Amino acid sequence: MEKTIVVIDDSATSRMGVELILSKVGYRVLHAENGQEGLDLLFGMQKSDRLPDMIIVDVNMPVMDGITFIQEVKKTSFRYLPVLVLTTERDDEMKDLGKKAGAAGWLLKPYDPDTLLAVVRKFTRTLA
């Protein structure tokens, strides 16, 4: 069965870059532009009984930032979904906030596509 990844980033270029890498190896990628859109997308998916296998989120976004998004996700039935933070944010305090919020991993932009794929495969338990 096809694995679904939700990518939440206010940069269309970033979203498309992640989608290009993941879709080439068979992942289905859904997008949101901020944390609130991401939550809305998750709840919409829940209504159709189709949950994602993983979430990739940026930190700095309008409306709802990535750390707040993770905190909100962890209060819901989606709390067990792995959340990877993919960001330019290098501050150790911010990384600690992400970890405390429940992020499963932290990957810095610019990233190596093979590293991104390895992390996604690990969290989604994908062999290919």
N, C-alpha and C. Protein backbone atom coordinates (compact mmCIF):
# COMPACT_ATOMS: atom_id res chain seq x y z
N MET A 1 0.83 -1.19 0.00
CA MET A 1 0.00 0.00 0.00
C MET A 1 0.88 1.25 0.00
N GLU A 2 0.47 2.24 -0.75
CA GLU A 2 1.19 3.50 -0.89
C GLU A 2 1.22 4.25 0.45
N LYS A 3 2.38 4.75 0.82
CA LYS A 3 2.54 5.54 2.04
C LYS A 3 2.27 7.01 1.73
N THR A 4 1.59 7.68 2.66
CA THR A 4 1.23 9.08 2.47
C THR A 4 1.98 9.95 3.47
N ILE A 5 2.58 11.01 2.95
CA ILE A 5 3.33 11.97 3.76
C ILE A 5 2.65 13.33 3.63
N VAL A 6 2.39 13.99 4.75
CA VAL A 6 1.86 15.35 4.74
C VAL A 6 3.04 16.30 4.94
N VAL A 7 3.20 17.25 4.02
CA VAL A 7 4.28 18.24 4.09
C VAL A 7 3.65 19.60 4.36
N ILE A 8 4.10 20.23 5.46
CA ILE A 8 3.55 21.53 5.86
C ILE A 8 4.68 22.55 5.87
N ASP A 9 4.59 23.49 4.95
CA ASP A 9 5.63 24.51 4.80
C ASP A 9 5.02 25.68 4.04
N ASP A 10 5.31 26.90 4.47
CA ASP A 10 4.76 28.05 3.77
C ASP A 10 5.47 28.34 2.45
N SER A 11 6.59 27.68 2.21
CA SER A 11 7.32 27.85 0.96
C SER A 11 6.89 26.79 -0.06
N ALA A 12 6.28 27.25 -1.15
CA ALA A 12 5.87 26.33 -2.21
C ALA A 12 7.08 25.59 -2.78
N THR A 13 8.22 26.28 -2.87
CA THR A 13 9.43 25.67 -3.39
C THR A 13 9.87 24.51 -2.50
N SER A 14 9.82 24.71 -1.21
CA SER A 14 10.19 23.63 -0.28
C SER A 14 9.24 22.45 -0.38
N ARG A 15 7.94 22.74 -0.43
CA ARG A 15 6.94 21.66 -0.53
C ARG A 15 7.16 20.85 -1.80
N MET A 16 7.36 21.56 -2.90
CA MET A 16 7.54 20.87 -4.19
C MET A 16 8.84 20.08 -4.22
N GLY A 17 9.89 20.61 -3.60
CA GLY A 17 11.16 19.89 -3.56
C GLY A 17 11.04 18.57 -2.81
N VAL A 18 10.36 18.61 -1.66
CA VAL A 18 10.15 17.38 -0.89
C VAL A 18 9.27 16.41 -1.68
N GLU A 19 8.22 16.94 -2.30
CA GLU A 19 7.33 16.07 -3.08
C GLU A 19 8.08 15.41 -4.23
N LEU A 20 8.92 16.15 -4.92
CA LEU A 20 9.68 15.60 -6.04
C LEU A 20 10.54 14.41 -5.59
N ILE A 21 11.22 14.59 -4.47
CA ILE A 21 12.08 13.52 -3.95
C ILE A 21 11.27 12.30 -3.53
N LEU A 22 10.18 12.53 -2.80
CA LEU A 22 9.41 11.41 -2.25
C LEU A 22 8.53 10.72 -3.29
N SER A 23 7.95 11.50 -4.21
CA SER A 23 7.06 10.89 -5.20
C SER A 23 7.83 10.01 -6.19
N LYS A 24 9.10 10.33 -6.42
CA LYS A 24 9.92 9.52 -7.34
C LYS A 24 10.06 8.07 -6.86
N VAL A 25 9.96 7.87 -5.55
CA VAL A 25 10.11 6.52 -5.01
C VAL A 25 8.79 5.96 -4.49
N GLY A 26 7.68 6.60 -4.89
CA GLY A 26 6.37 6.00 -4.64
C GLY A 26 5.56 6.53 -3.48
N TYR A 27 6.03 7.57 -2.80
CA TYR A 27 5.22 8.15 -1.73
C TYR A 27 4.17 9.09 -2.30
N ARG A 28 3.01 9.12 -1.66
CA ARG A 28 1.97 10.09 -1.98
C ARG A 28 2.20 11.28 -1.05
N VAL A 29 2.23 12.49 -1.59
CA VAL A 29 2.52 13.68 -0.79
C VAL A 29 1.33 14.64 -0.84
N LEU A 30 0.88 15.06 0.33
CA LEU A 30 -0.17 16.06 0.46
C LEU A 30 0.45 17.30 1.11
N HIS A 31 -0.10 18.48 0.79
CA HIS A 31 0.51 19.74 1.21
C HIS A 31 -0.41 20.58 2.07
N ALA A 32 0.22 21.38 2.92
CA ALA A 32 -0.46 22.47 3.63
C ALA A 32 0.54 23.61 3.76
N GLU A 33 0.03 24.85 3.81
CA GLU A 33 0.90 26.03 3.83
C GLU A 33 1.22 26.52 5.23
N ASN A 34 0.53 26.03 6.25
CA ASN A 34 0.81 26.42 7.63
C ASN A 34 0.22 25.37 8.57
N GLY A 35 0.52 25.51 9.84
CA GLY A 35 0.07 24.51 10.81
C GLY A 35 -1.44 24.34 10.88
N GLN A 36 -2.17 25.44 10.79
CA GLN A 36 -3.64 25.34 10.85
C GLN A 36 -4.17 24.57 9.65
N GLU A 37 -3.66 24.87 8.46
CA GLU A 37 -4.06 24.11 7.27
C GLU A 37 -3.69 22.64 7.43
N GLY A 38 -2.54 22.38 8.05
CA GLY A 38 -2.11 21.01 8.30
C GLY A 38 -3.09 20.27 9.20
N LEU A 39 -3.52 20.92 10.29
CA LEU A 39 -4.51 20.30 11.18
C LEU A 39 -5.82 20.04 10.44
N ASP A 40 -6.26 21.03 9.67
CA ASP A 40 -7.50 20.87 8.90
C ASP A 40 -7.39 19.70 7.93
N LEU A 41 -6.24 19.56 7.28
CA LEU A 41 -6.00 18.45 6.35
C LEU A 41 -6.07 17.11 7.08
N LEU A 42 -5.43 17.02 8.24
CA LEU A 42 -5.46 15.78 9.02
C LEU A 42 -6.87 15.40 9.42
N PHE A 43 -7.63 16.38 9.91
CA PHE A 43 -9.00 16.07 10.33
C PHE A 43 -9.87 15.68 9.14
N GLY A 44 -9.63 16.28 7.97
CA GLY A 44 -10.34 15.88 6.75
C GLY A 44 -10.00 14.46 6.35
N MET A 45 -8.73 14.09 6.48
CA MET A 45 -8.30 12.73 6.15
C MET A 45 -8.93 11.73 7.12
N GLN A 46 -9.02 12.12 8.38
CA GLN A 46 -9.59 11.24 9.39
C GLN A 46 -11.04 10.89 9.06
N LYS A 47 -11.78 11.86 8.55
CA LYS A 47 -13.18 11.63 8.19
C LYS A 47 -13.31 10.58 7.09
N SER A 48 -12.30 10.47 6.23
CA SER A 48 -12.34 9.49 5.15
C SER A 48 -11.55 8.22 5.51
N ASP A 49 -11.22 8.09 6.80
CA ASP A 49 -10.48 6.91 7.28
C ASP A 49 -9.17 6.68 6.56
N ARG A 50 -8.50 7.74 6.16
CA ARG A 50 -7.21 7.63 5.48
C ARG A 50 -6.22 8.54 6.19
N LEU A 51 -5.41 7.97 7.06
CA LEU A 51 -4.44 8.76 7.80
C LEU A 51 -3.09 8.73 7.12
N PRO A 52 -2.31 9.80 7.27
CA PRO A 52 -0.97 9.79 6.70
C PRO A 52 -0.06 8.86 7.51
N ASP A 53 1.06 8.53 6.94
CA ASP A 53 2.05 7.69 7.62
C ASP A 53 3.09 8.53 8.34
N MET A 54 3.17 9.81 7.97
CA MET A 54 4.19 10.68 8.54
C MET A 54 3.86 12.13 8.20
N ILE A 55 4.37 13.06 9.02
CA ILE A 55 4.22 14.49 8.78
C ILE A 55 5.61 15.12 8.74
N ILE A 56 5.82 15.99 7.77
CA ILE A 56 7.04 16.79 7.70
C ILE A 56 6.61 18.25 7.82
N VAL A 57 7.19 18.98 8.78
CA VAL A 57 6.73 20.34 9.05
C VAL A 57 7.91 21.30 9.21
N ASP A 58 7.72 22.51 8.70
CA ASP A 58 8.68 23.60 8.90
C ASP A 58 8.38 24.24 10.25
N VAL A 59 9.30 25.05 10.76
CA VAL A 59 9.07 25.73 12.03
C VAL A 59 8.44 27.10 11.81
N ASN A 60 9.07 27.92 11.00
CA ASN A 60 8.64 29.31 10.85
C ASN A 60 7.62 29.46 9.73
N MET A 61 6.34 29.60 10.16
CA MET A 61 5.24 29.76 9.21
C MET A 61 4.23 30.73 9.79
N PRO A 62 3.46 31.40 8.92
CA PRO A 62 2.39 32.27 9.43
C PRO A 62 1.21 31.43 9.94
N VAL A 63 0.27 32.06 10.58
CA VAL A 63 -0.97 31.49 11.10
C VAL A 63 -0.69 30.55 12.28
N MET A 64 -0.01 29.43 12.02
CA MET A 64 0.39 28.52 13.09
C MET A 64 1.77 27.96 12.75
N ASP A 65 2.73 28.20 13.65
CA ASP A 65 4.09 27.74 13.41
C ASP A 65 4.20 26.23 13.65
N GLY A 66 5.34 25.67 13.28
CA GLY A 66 5.54 24.23 13.36
C GLY A 66 5.54 23.66 14.77
N ILE A 67 6.12 24.39 15.73
CA ILE A 67 6.16 23.89 17.10
C ILE A 67 4.74 23.83 17.67
N THR A 68 3.96 24.89 17.46
CA THR A 68 2.56 24.90 17.92
C THR A 68 1.78 23.78 17.23
N PHE A 69 2.02 23.59 15.93
CA PHE A 69 1.36 22.51 15.20
C PHE A 69 1.64 21.15 15.87
N ILE A 70 2.90 20.89 16.17
CA ILE A 70 3.26 19.61 16.80
C ILE A 70 2.56 19.47 18.14
N GLN A 71 2.55 20.54 18.94
CA GLN A 71 1.87 20.50 20.23
C GLN A 71 0.39 20.17 20.06
N GLU A 72 -0.24 20.77 19.06
CA GLU A 72 -1.66 20.52 18.81
C GLU A 72 -1.90 19.09 18.32
N VAL A 73 -1.04 18.60 17.44
CA VAL A 73 -1.18 17.23 16.92
C VAL A 73 -1.09 16.22 18.06
N LYS A 74 -0.18 16.47 18.99
CA LYS A 74 0.05 15.52 20.07
C LYS A 74 -1.12 15.47 21.06
N LYS A 75 -2.08 16.40 20.94
CA LYS A 75 -3.29 16.39 21.77
C LYS A 75 -4.41 15.60 21.12
N THR A 76 -4.19 15.10 19.90
CA THR A 76 -5.25 14.46 19.12
C THR A 76 -4.98 12.97 18.93
N SER A 77 -5.86 12.34 18.19
CA SER A 77 -5.68 10.93 17.85
C SER A 77 -4.51 10.72 16.88
N PHE A 78 -3.94 11.80 16.37
CA PHE A 78 -2.77 11.72 15.48
C PHE A 78 -1.46 11.72 16.26
N ARG A 79 -1.52 11.69 17.59
CA ARG A 79 -0.33 11.87 18.43
C ARG A 79 0.77 10.86 18.17
N TYR A 80 0.44 9.70 17.59
CA TYR A 80 1.46 8.69 17.36
C TYR A 80 2.11 8.79 15.98
N LEU A 81 1.64 9.70 15.14
CA LEU A 81 2.27 9.88 13.83
C LEU A 81 3.65 10.51 14.01
N PRO A 82 4.66 9.97 13.34
CA PRO A 82 5.97 10.61 13.43
C PRO A 82 5.97 11.96 12.73
N VAL A 83 6.56 12.95 13.40
CA VAL A 83 6.65 14.30 12.84
C VAL A 83 8.12 14.67 12.71
N LEU A 84 8.55 14.91 11.48
CA LEU A 84 9.90 15.36 11.20
C LEU A 84 9.88 16.87 10.98
N VAL A 85 10.72 17.59 11.69
CA VAL A 85 10.87 19.02 11.46
C VAL A 85 11.94 19.21 10.39
N LEU A 86 11.57 19.90 9.31
CA LEU A 86 12.48 20.20 8.21
C LEU A 86 12.56 21.72 8.10
N THR A 87 13.68 22.30 8.53
CA THR A 87 13.72 23.74 8.73
C THR A 87 15.13 24.31 8.54
N THR A 88 15.20 25.63 8.43
CA THR A 88 16.48 26.33 8.45
C THR A 88 16.86 26.72 9.88
N GLU A 89 15.96 26.48 10.82
CA GLU A 89 16.15 26.87 12.22
C GLU A 89 17.23 26.02 12.88
N ARG A 90 18.34 26.67 13.23
CA ARG A 90 19.49 25.95 13.79
C ARG A 90 19.66 26.14 15.30
N ASP A 91 18.84 26.96 15.89
CA ASP A 91 18.95 27.29 17.30
C ASP A 91 18.66 26.08 18.20
N ASP A 92 19.59 25.79 19.12
CA ASP A 92 19.44 24.63 20.00
C ASP A 92 18.20 24.74 20.89
N GLU A 93 17.87 25.95 21.32
CA GLU A 93 16.66 26.12 22.14
C GLU A 93 15.41 25.75 21.35
N MET A 94 15.40 26.13 20.07
CA MET A 94 14.26 25.79 19.22
C MET A 94 14.18 24.28 19.02
N LYS A 95 15.33 23.64 18.82
CA LYS A 95 15.36 22.18 18.68
C LYS A 95 14.81 21.53 19.94
N ASP A 96 15.19 22.05 21.11
CA ASP A 96 14.68 21.51 22.37
C ASP A 96 13.18 21.68 22.48
N LEU A 97 12.66 22.83 22.03
CA LEU A 97 11.22 23.04 22.03
C LEU A 97 10.52 22.02 21.13
N GLY A 98 11.13 21.77 19.97
CA GLY A 98 10.56 20.78 19.05
C GLY A 98 10.53 19.40 19.66
N LYS A 99 11.62 19.04 20.31
CA LYS A 99 11.71 17.72 20.95
C LYS A 99 10.67 17.60 22.07
N LYS A 100 10.57 18.65 22.89
CA LYS A 100 9.59 18.64 23.98
C LYS A 100 8.16 18.58 23.45
N ALA A 101 7.93 19.21 22.29
CA ALA A 101 6.60 19.20 21.69
C ALA A 101 6.24 17.81 21.16
N GLY A 102 7.28 17.02 20.81
CA GLY A 102 7.02 15.68 20.32
C GLY A 102 7.56 15.37 18.95
N ALA A 103 8.44 16.24 18.42
CA ALA A 103 9.04 15.96 17.11
C ALA A 103 9.89 14.69 17.19
N ALA A 104 9.77 13.86 16.18
CA ALA A 104 10.54 12.62 16.14
C ALA A 104 11.94 12.84 15.58
N GLY A 105 12.12 13.94 14.84
CA GLY A 105 13.42 14.23 14.24
C GLY A 105 13.51 15.67 13.79
N TRP A 106 14.74 16.11 13.51
CA TRP A 106 15.01 17.51 13.11
C TRP A 106 16.04 17.47 12.00
N LEU A 107 15.66 17.93 10.81
CA LEU A 107 16.55 17.92 9.66
C LEU A 107 16.68 19.36 9.14
N LEU A 108 17.92 19.79 8.94
CA LEU A 108 18.16 21.16 8.51
C LEU A 108 18.14 21.32 6.99
N LYS A 109 17.56 22.45 6.53
CA LYS A 109 17.63 22.86 5.14
C LYS A 109 18.92 23.66 4.97
N PRO A 110 19.62 23.58 3.88
CA PRO A 110 19.37 22.63 2.79
C PRO A 110 19.75 21.23 3.23
N TYR A 111 19.04 20.25 2.72
CA TYR A 111 19.23 18.86 3.13
C TYR A 111 19.68 18.03 1.93
N ASP A 112 20.29 16.92 2.23
CA ASP A 112 20.67 15.96 1.20
C ASP A 112 19.46 15.09 0.90
N PRO A 113 19.03 14.99 -0.36
CA PRO A 113 17.85 14.19 -0.69
C PRO A 113 17.93 12.74 -0.17
N ASP A 114 19.11 12.14 -0.23
CA ASP A 114 19.25 10.76 0.26
C ASP A 114 19.04 10.68 1.77
N THR A 115 19.45 11.70 2.48
CA THR A 115 19.23 11.74 3.93
C THR A 115 17.74 11.86 4.23
N LEU A 116 17.06 12.75 3.50
CA LEU A 116 15.61 12.89 3.69
C LEU A 116 14.91 11.56 3.44
N LEU A 117 15.26 10.92 2.33
CA LEU A 117 14.65 9.62 2.02
C LEU A 117 14.93 8.58 3.10
N ALA A 118 16.13 8.55 3.60
CA ALA A 118 16.49 7.58 4.65
C ALA A 118 15.66 7.81 5.90
N VAL A 119 15.48 9.07 6.28
CA VAL A 119 14.69 9.39 7.47
C VAL A 119 13.22 9.00 7.25
N VAL A 120 12.67 9.36 6.09
CA VAL A 120 11.28 9.03 5.81
C VAL A 120 11.09 7.51 5.79
N ARG A 121 12.00 6.79 5.17
CA ARG A 121 11.90 5.32 5.14
C ARG A 121 11.94 4.74 6.54
N LYS A 122 12.80 5.29 7.39
CA LYS A 122 12.90 4.82 8.77
C LYS A 122 11.58 5.03 9.51
N PHE A 123 11.03 6.24 9.42
CA PHE A 123 9.82 6.54 10.16
C PHE A 123 8.57 5.86 9.60
N THR A 124 8.57 5.57 8.31
CA THR A 124 7.40 4.92 7.72
C THR A 124 7.59 3.41 7.56
N ARG A 125 8.76 2.93 8.00
CA ARG A 125 9.11 1.51 7.88
C ARG A 125 8.94 1.01 6.46
N THR A 126 9.48 1.81 5.53
CA THR A 126 9.44 1.48 4.11
C THR A 126 10.77 0.87 3.70
N LEU A 127 10.73 -0.23 3.00
CA LEU A 127 11.96 -0.91 2.61
C LEU A 127 12.55 -0.36 1.32
N ALA A 128 11.70 0.02 0.39
CA ALA A 128 12.19 0.46 -0.94
C ALA A 128 12.91 1.77 -0.88
